[in-house]
Amino acid sequence: AQNAYDLLPTIRSRAVPFYFAPLGVEEMHSFVKARGLDRPERRIALAAGSPGIAMSLDLEAYDKRRAAMLVLLKAAAGVAPFATWVPVGEAIGRSRSEKLELYLKVLYELLRDLLLLHEGAGEIRNRDIRRELEALAGKIQFAWLRKAVARVDEIAMLLRRNIQKTIAL
């Protein structure tokens, strides 16, 4: 489990946590090459040193979630009209198979990339859409990013309390 508190208390009380440091870039290259994974550079960037994520990452599903969260970020930043977000949000809300937590995870990654681009430091993970993210990073302020992260944190907390997905959206 990525978050111990996602487990039942009875299981947590009997478990021993093991924390693993992320693998380095060279180790990730070796791992991905040994497994023959497709799109190795993209998997390495998105996995952030986690071989398990590199192997299990469904890039098609990730791209779908990322496209939706980009629409949300553009609408929230005032770059696109709010009306562009409404059908996307409604589609996510209607989906019974997709958990909102998966979208929030992608949203956090995009916010991380925006912060790095805004501040001019570090390597982003969504390198294939760098230009689009750079344009958006140029339109926002640090205070906006901080507020956006706080709002996503709030939604994540409400989801843990079992708020309905459509209300959260």
C-alpha atoms as a PDB file:
ATOM      1  CA  ALA A   1       0.000   0.000   0.000  1.00  0.00           C
ATOM      2  CA  GLN A   2       1.251   3.470  -0.765  1.00  0.00           C
ATOM      3  CA  ASN A   3      -0.568   4.872   2.241  1.00  0.00           C
ATOM      4  CA  ALA A   4      -0.739   2.769   5.414  1.00  0.00           C
ATOM      5  CA  TYR A   5      -3.956   4.500   6.410  1.00  0.00           C
ATOM      6  CA  ASP A   6      -5.691   3.017   3.374  1.00  0.00           C
ATOM      7  CA  LEU A   7      -5.440  -0.332   5.203  1.00  0.00           C
ATOM      8  CA  LEU A   8      -7.815  -1.453   7.922  1.00  0.00           C
ATOM      9  CA  PRO A   9      -6.557  -0.700  11.458  1.00  0.00           C
ATOM     10  CA  THR A  10      -6.472  -4.418  12.290  1.00  0.00           C
ATOM     11  CA  ILE A  11      -4.155  -5.048   9.344  1.00  0.00           C
ATOM     12  CA  ARG A  12      -1.984  -2.009  10.111  1.00  0.00           C
ATOM     13  CA  SER A  13      -1.509  -3.208  13.689  1.00  0.00           C
ATOM     14  CA  ARG A  14      -0.075  -6.511  12.439  1.00  0.00           C
ATOM     15  CA  ALA A  15       2.045  -5.128   9.605  1.00  0.00           C
ATOM     16  CA  VAL A  16       5.663  -4.089   9.464  1.00  0.00           C
ATOM     17  CA  PRO A  17       6.290  -1.214   7.077  1.00  0.00           C
ATOM     18  CA  PHE A  18       9.210  -1.378   4.689  1.00  0.00           C
ATOM     19  CA  TYR A  19      10.288   1.857   3.051  1.00  0.00           C
ATOM     20  CA  PHE A  20      12.303   1.714  -0.136  1.00  0.00           C
ATOM     21  CA  ALA A  21      14.361   4.566  -1.525  1.00  0.00           C
ATOM     22  CA  PRO A  22      13.728   5.377  -5.178  1.00  0.00           C
ATOM     23  CA  LEU A  23      16.112   3.833  -7.678  1.00  0.00           C
ATOM     24  CA  GLY A  24      18.522   6.085  -9.539  1.00  0.00           C
ATOM     25  CA  VAL A  25      18.126   6.881 -13.218  1.00  0.00           C
ATOM     26  CA  GLU A  26      20.764   4.357 -14.313  1.00  0.00           C
ATOM     27  CA  GLU A  27      19.202   1.617 -12.202  1.00  0.00           C
ATOM     28  CA  MET A  28      15.795   2.445 -13.683  1.00  0.00           C
ATOM     29  CA  HIS A  29      17.239   2.292 -17.205  1.00  0.00           C
ATOM     30  CA  SER A  30      18.676  -1.160 -16.467  1.00  0.00           C
ATOM     31  CA  PHE A  31      15.408  -2.333 -14.943  1.00  0.00           C
ATOM     32  CA  VAL A  32      13.240  -1.101 -17.807  1.00  0.00           C
ATOM     33  CA  LYS A  33      15.647  -2.508 -20.408  1.00  0.00           C
ATOM     34  CA  ALA A  34      15.784  -5.905 -18.663  1.00  0.00           C
ATOM     35  CA  ARG A  35      11.987  -6.093 -18.677  1.00  0.00           C
ATOM     36  CA  GLY A  36      11.691  -4.892 -22.286  1.00  0.00           C
ATOM     37  CA  LEU A  37       9.113  -2.259 -21.395  1.00  0.00           C
ATOM     38  CA  ASP A  38       7.758  -0.014 -24.120  1.00  0.00           C
ATOM     39  CA  ARG A  39       8.392   3.751 -24.050  1.00  0.00           C
ATOM     40  CA  PRO A  40      11.207   3.417 -21.509  1.00  0.00           C
ATOM     41  CA  GLU A  41      12.078   7.112 -21.136  1.00  0.00           C
ATOM     42  CA  ARG A  42       8.494   8.058 -20.401  1.00  0.00           C
ATOM     43  CA  ARG A  43       8.050   5.202 -17.927  1.00  0.00           C
ATOM     44  CA  ILE A  44      11.247   6.167 -16.115  1.00  0.00           C
ATOM     45  CA  ALA A  45      10.200   9.820 -15.860  1.00  0.00           C
ATOM     46  CA  LEU A  46       6.700   9.029 -14.589  1.00  0.00           C
ATOM     47  CA  ALA A  47       7.785   6.248 -12.216  1.00  0.00           C
ATOM     48  CA  ALA A  48      10.057   8.566 -10.207  1.00  0.00           C
ATOM     49  CA  GLY A  49      12.406   5.760  -9.249  1.00  0.00           C
ATOM     50  CA  SER A  50       9.761   3.112  -8.579  1.00  0.00           C
ATOM     51  CA  PRO A  51      10.253  -0.058 -10.637  1.00  0.00           C
ATOM     52  CA  GLY A  52       6.793  -1.313  -9.708  1.00  0.00           C
ATOM     53  CA  ILE A  53       5.164   1.817 -11.101  1.00  0.00           C
ATOM     54  CA  ALA A  54       7.313   1.651 -14.236  1.00  0.00           C
ATOM     55  CA  MET A  55       6.051  -1.896 -14.888  1.00  0.00           C
ATOM     56  CA  SER A  56       2.409  -1.405 -14.012  1.00  0.00           C
ATOM     57  CA  LEU A  57       1.853   2.026 -15.516  1.00  0.00           C
ATOM     58  CA  ASP A  58      -0.947   1.988 -18.068  1.00  0.00           C
ATOM     59  CA  LEU A  59       0.201   4.870 -20.255  1.00  0.00           C
ATOM     60  CA  GLU A  60      -3.066   5.035 -22.193  1.00  0.00           C
ATOM     61  CA  ALA A  61      -5.114   5.416 -18.992  1.00  0.00           C
ATOM     62  CA  TYR A  62      -2.564   7.889 -17.627  1.00  0.00           C
ATOM     63  CA  ASP A  63      -2.815  10.017 -20.775  1.00  0.00           C
ATOM     64  CA  LYS A  64      -6.617  10.026 -20.537  1.00  0.00           C
ATOM     65  CA  ARG A  65      -6.499  11.166 -16.909  1.00  0.00           C
ATOM     66  CA  ARG A  66      -3.791  13.703 -17.658  1.00  0.00           C
ATOM     67  CA  ALA A  67      -5.805  15.236 -20.506  1.00  0.00           C
ATOM     68  CA  ALA A  68      -8.774  15.647 -18.161  1.00  0.00           C
ATOM     69  CA  MET A  69      -6.667  17.200 -15.413  1.00  0.00           C
ATOM     70  CA  LEU A  70      -5.045  19.583 -17.904  1.00  0.00           C
ATOM     71  CA  VAL A  71      -8.506  20.825 -18.865  1.00  0.00           C
ATOM     72  CA  LEU A  72      -9.216  21.380 -15.160  1.00  0.00           C
ATOM     73  CA  LEU A  73      -5.935  23.250 -14.587  1.00  0.00           C
ATOM     74  CA  LYS A  74      -6.455  25.479 -17.617  1.00  0.00           C
ATOM     75  CA  ALA A  75      -9.985  26.354 -16.524  1.00  0.00           C
ATOM     76  CA  ALA A  76      -8.863  26.959 -12.928  1.00  0.00           C
ATOM     77  CA  ALA A  77      -6.011  29.199 -14.113  1.00  0.00           C
ATOM     78  CA  GLY A  78      -8.358  31.223 -16.321  1.00  0.00           C
ATOM     79  CA  VAL A  79      -6.554  30.162 -19.502  1.00  0.00           C
ATOM     80  CA  ALA A  80      -9.638  28.321 -20.778  1.00  0.00           C
ATOM     81  CA  PRO A  81     -13.315  28.974 -20.056  1.00  0.00           C
ATOM     82  CA  PHE A  82     -14.892  27.008 -17.214  1.00  0.00           C
ATOM     83  CA  ALA A  83     -17.323  25.548 -19.768  1.00  0.00           C
ATOM     84  CA  THR A  84     -14.491  23.396 -21.138  1.00  0.00           C
ATOM     85  CA  TRP A  85     -14.208  21.621 -17.767  1.00  0.00           C
ATOM     86  CA  VAL A  86     -17.937  20.903 -17.277  1.00  0.00           C
ATOM     87  CA  PRO A  87     -18.322  18.014 -19.765  1.00  0.00           C
ATOM     88  CA  VAL A  88     -15.002  16.511 -18.686  1.00  0.00           C
ATOM     89  CA  GLY A  89     -15.959  16.656 -15.005  1.00  0.00           C
ATOM     90  CA  GLU A  90     -19.374  15.181 -15.745  1.00  0.00           C
ATOM     91  CA  ALA A  91     -17.818  12.302 -17.707  1.00  0.00           C
ATOM     92  CA  ILE A  92     -15.454  11.496 -14.837  1.00  0.00           C
ATOM     93  CA  GLY A  93     -18.373  11.670 -12.386  1.00  0.00           C
ATOM     94  CA  ARG A  94     -20.445   9.227 -14.451  1.00  0.00           C
ATOM     95  CA  SER A  95     -17.633   6.691 -14.705  1.00  0.00           C
ATOM     96  CA  ARG A  96     -18.183   3.887 -12.218  1.00  0.00           C
ATOM     97  CA  SER A  97     -14.879   2.133 -12.881  1.00  0.00           C
ATOM     98  CA  GLU A  98     -12.521   5.099 -12.484  1.00  0.00           C
ATOM     99  CA  LYS A  99     -11.570   6.220  -8.993  1.00  0.00           C
ATOM    100  CA  LEU A 100     -11.137   9.931  -8.488  1.00  0.00           C
ATOM    101  CA  GLU A 101      -7.971   9.241  -6.484  1.00  0.00           C
ATOM    102  CA  LEU A 102      -6.256   8.168  -9.708  1.00  0.00           C
ATOM    103  CA  TYR A 103      -7.093  11.522 -11.284  1.00  0.00           C
ATOM    104  CA  LEU A 104      -5.862  13.375  -8.198  1.00  0.00           C
ATOM    105  CA  LYS A 105      -2.557  11.533  -8.356  1.00  0.00           C
ATOM    106  CA  VAL A 106      -2.085  12.745 -11.934  1.00  0.00           C
ATOM    107  CA  LEU A 107      -3.178  16.237 -10.896  1.00  0.00           C
ATOM    108  CA  TYR A 108      -0.515  16.315  -8.174  1.00  0.00           C
ATOM    109  CA  GLU A 109       2.104  15.307 -10.756  1.00  0.00           C
ATOM    110  CA  LEU A 110       1.003  18.087 -13.093  1.00  0.00           C
ATOM    111  CA  LEU A 111       1.078  20.630 -10.261  1.00  0.00           C
ATOM    112  CA  ARG A 112       4.574  19.430  -9.374  1.00  0.00           C
ATOM    113  CA  ASP A 113       5.688  19.913 -12.956  1.00  0.00           C
ATOM    114  CA  LEU A 114       4.104  23.372 -13.071  1.00  0.00           C
ATOM    115  CA  LEU A 115       5.944  24.350  -9.902  1.00  0.00           C
ATOM    116  CA  LEU A 116       9.277  23.172 -11.296  1.00  0.00           C
ATOM    117  CA  LEU A 117       8.707  25.024 -14.554  1.00  0.00           C
ATOM    118  CA  HIS A 118       7.490  28.145 -12.775  1.00  0.00           C
ATOM    119  CA  GLU A 119      10.523  28.224 -10.511  1.00  0.00           C
ATOM    120  CA  GLY A 120      12.958  27.021 -13.194  1.00  0.00           C
ATOM    121  CA  ALA A 121      14.317  24.122 -11.158  1.00  0.00           C
ATOM    122  CA  GLY A 122      14.409  20.358 -11.568  1.00  0.00           C
ATOM    123  CA  GLU A 123      13.334  17.919 -14.237  1.00  0.00           C
ATOM    124  CA  ILE A 124       9.630  17.529 -14.936  1.00  0.00           C
ATOM    125  CA  ARG A 125       7.979  14.128 -15.284  1.00  0.00           C
ATOM    126  CA  ASN A 126       5.534  14.932 -18.086  1.00  0.00           C
ATOM    127  CA  ARG A 127       8.259  15.792 -20.572  1.00  0.00           C
ATOM    128  CA  ASP A 128       6.167  14.965 -23.630  1.00  0.00           C
ATOM    129  CA  ILE A 129       3.854  17.940 -22.933  1.00  0.00           C
ATOM    130  CA  ARG A 130       6.561  20.307 -21.716  1.00  0.00           C
ATOM    131  CA  ARG A 131       5.595  23.177 -24.053  1.00  0.00           C
ATOM    132  CA  GLU A 132       1.970  23.054 -22.977  1.00  0.00           C
ATOM    133  CA  LEU A 133       2.996  23.029 -19.319  1.00  0.00           C
ATOM    134  CA  GLU A 134       5.497  25.855 -19.858  1.00  0.00           C
ATOM    135  CA  ALA A 135       2.763  28.011 -21.386  1.00  0.00           C
ATOM    136  CA  LEU A 136       0.501  27.324 -18.416  1.00  0.00           C
ATOM    137  CA  ALA A 137       3.310  27.886 -15.897  1.00  0.00           C
ATOM    138  CA  GLY A 138       3.877  31.305 -17.440  1.00  0.00           C
ATOM    139  CA  LYS A 139       0.257  32.280 -16.726  1.00  0.00           C
ATOM    140  CA  ILE A 140       0.156  31.396 -13.031  1.00  0.00           C
ATOM    141  CA  GLN A 141       1.736  32.647  -9.828  1.00  0.00           C
ATOM    142  CA  PHE A 142       3.299  30.701  -6.958  1.00  0.00           C
ATOM    143  CA  ALA A 143       0.376  31.669  -4.683  1.00  0.00           C
ATOM    144  CA  TRP A 144      -2.022  30.117  -7.210  1.00  0.00           C
ATOM    145  CA  LEU A 145      -0.020  26.872  -7.183  1.00  0.00           C
ATOM    146  CA  ARG A 146       0.013  26.757  -3.397  1.00  0.00           C
ATOM    147  CA  LYS A 147      -3.744  27.317  -3.271  1.00  0.00           C
ATOM    148  CA  ALA A 148      -4.325  24.667  -5.950  1.00  0.00           C
ATOM    149  CA  VAL A 149      -2.338  22.077  -3.987  1.00  0.00           C
ATOM    150  CA  ALA A 150      -4.276  22.967  -0.825  1.00  0.00           C
ATOM    151  CA  ARG A 151      -7.572  22.442  -2.665  1.00  0.00           C
ATOM    152  CA  VAL A 152      -6.454  19.084  -4.057  1.00  0.00           C
ATOM    153  CA  ASP A 153      -5.363  18.080  -0.532  1.00  0.00           C
ATOM    154  CA  GLU A 154      -8.824  19.050   0.706  1.00  0.00           C
ATOM    155  CA  ILE A 155     -10.538  16.937  -1.948  1.00  0.00           C
ATOM    156  CA  ALA A 156      -8.253  13.976  -1.152  1.00  0.00           C
ATOM    157  CA  MET A 157      -9.183  14.273   2.521  1.00  0.00           C
ATOM    158  CA  LEU A 158     -12.902  14.417   1.665  1.00  0.00           C
ATOM    159  CA  LEU A 159     -12.560  11.331  -0.522  1.00  0.00           C
ATOM    160  CA  ARG A 160     -11.073   9.456   2.436  1.00  0.00           C
ATOM    161  CA  ARG A 161     -14.229  10.424   4.310  1.00  0.00           C
ATOM    162  CA  ASN A 162     -16.277   8.901   1.490  1.00  0.00           C
ATOM    163  CA  ILE A 163     -17.590  12.035  -0.200  1.00  0.00           C
ATOM    164  CA  GLN A 164     -19.347  11.325  -3.486  1.00  0.00           C
ATOM    165  CA  LYS A 165     -17.173  11.672  -6.545  1.00  0.00           C
ATOM    166  CA  THR A 166     -19.602  14.035  -8.286  1.00  0.00           C
ATOM    167  CA  ILE A 167     -19.634  16.377  -5.284  1.00  0.00           C
ATOM    168  CA  ALA A 168     -15.846  16.395  -5.155  1.00  0.00           C
ATOM    169  CA  LEU A 169     -15.659  17.195  -8.863  1.00  0.00           C
END
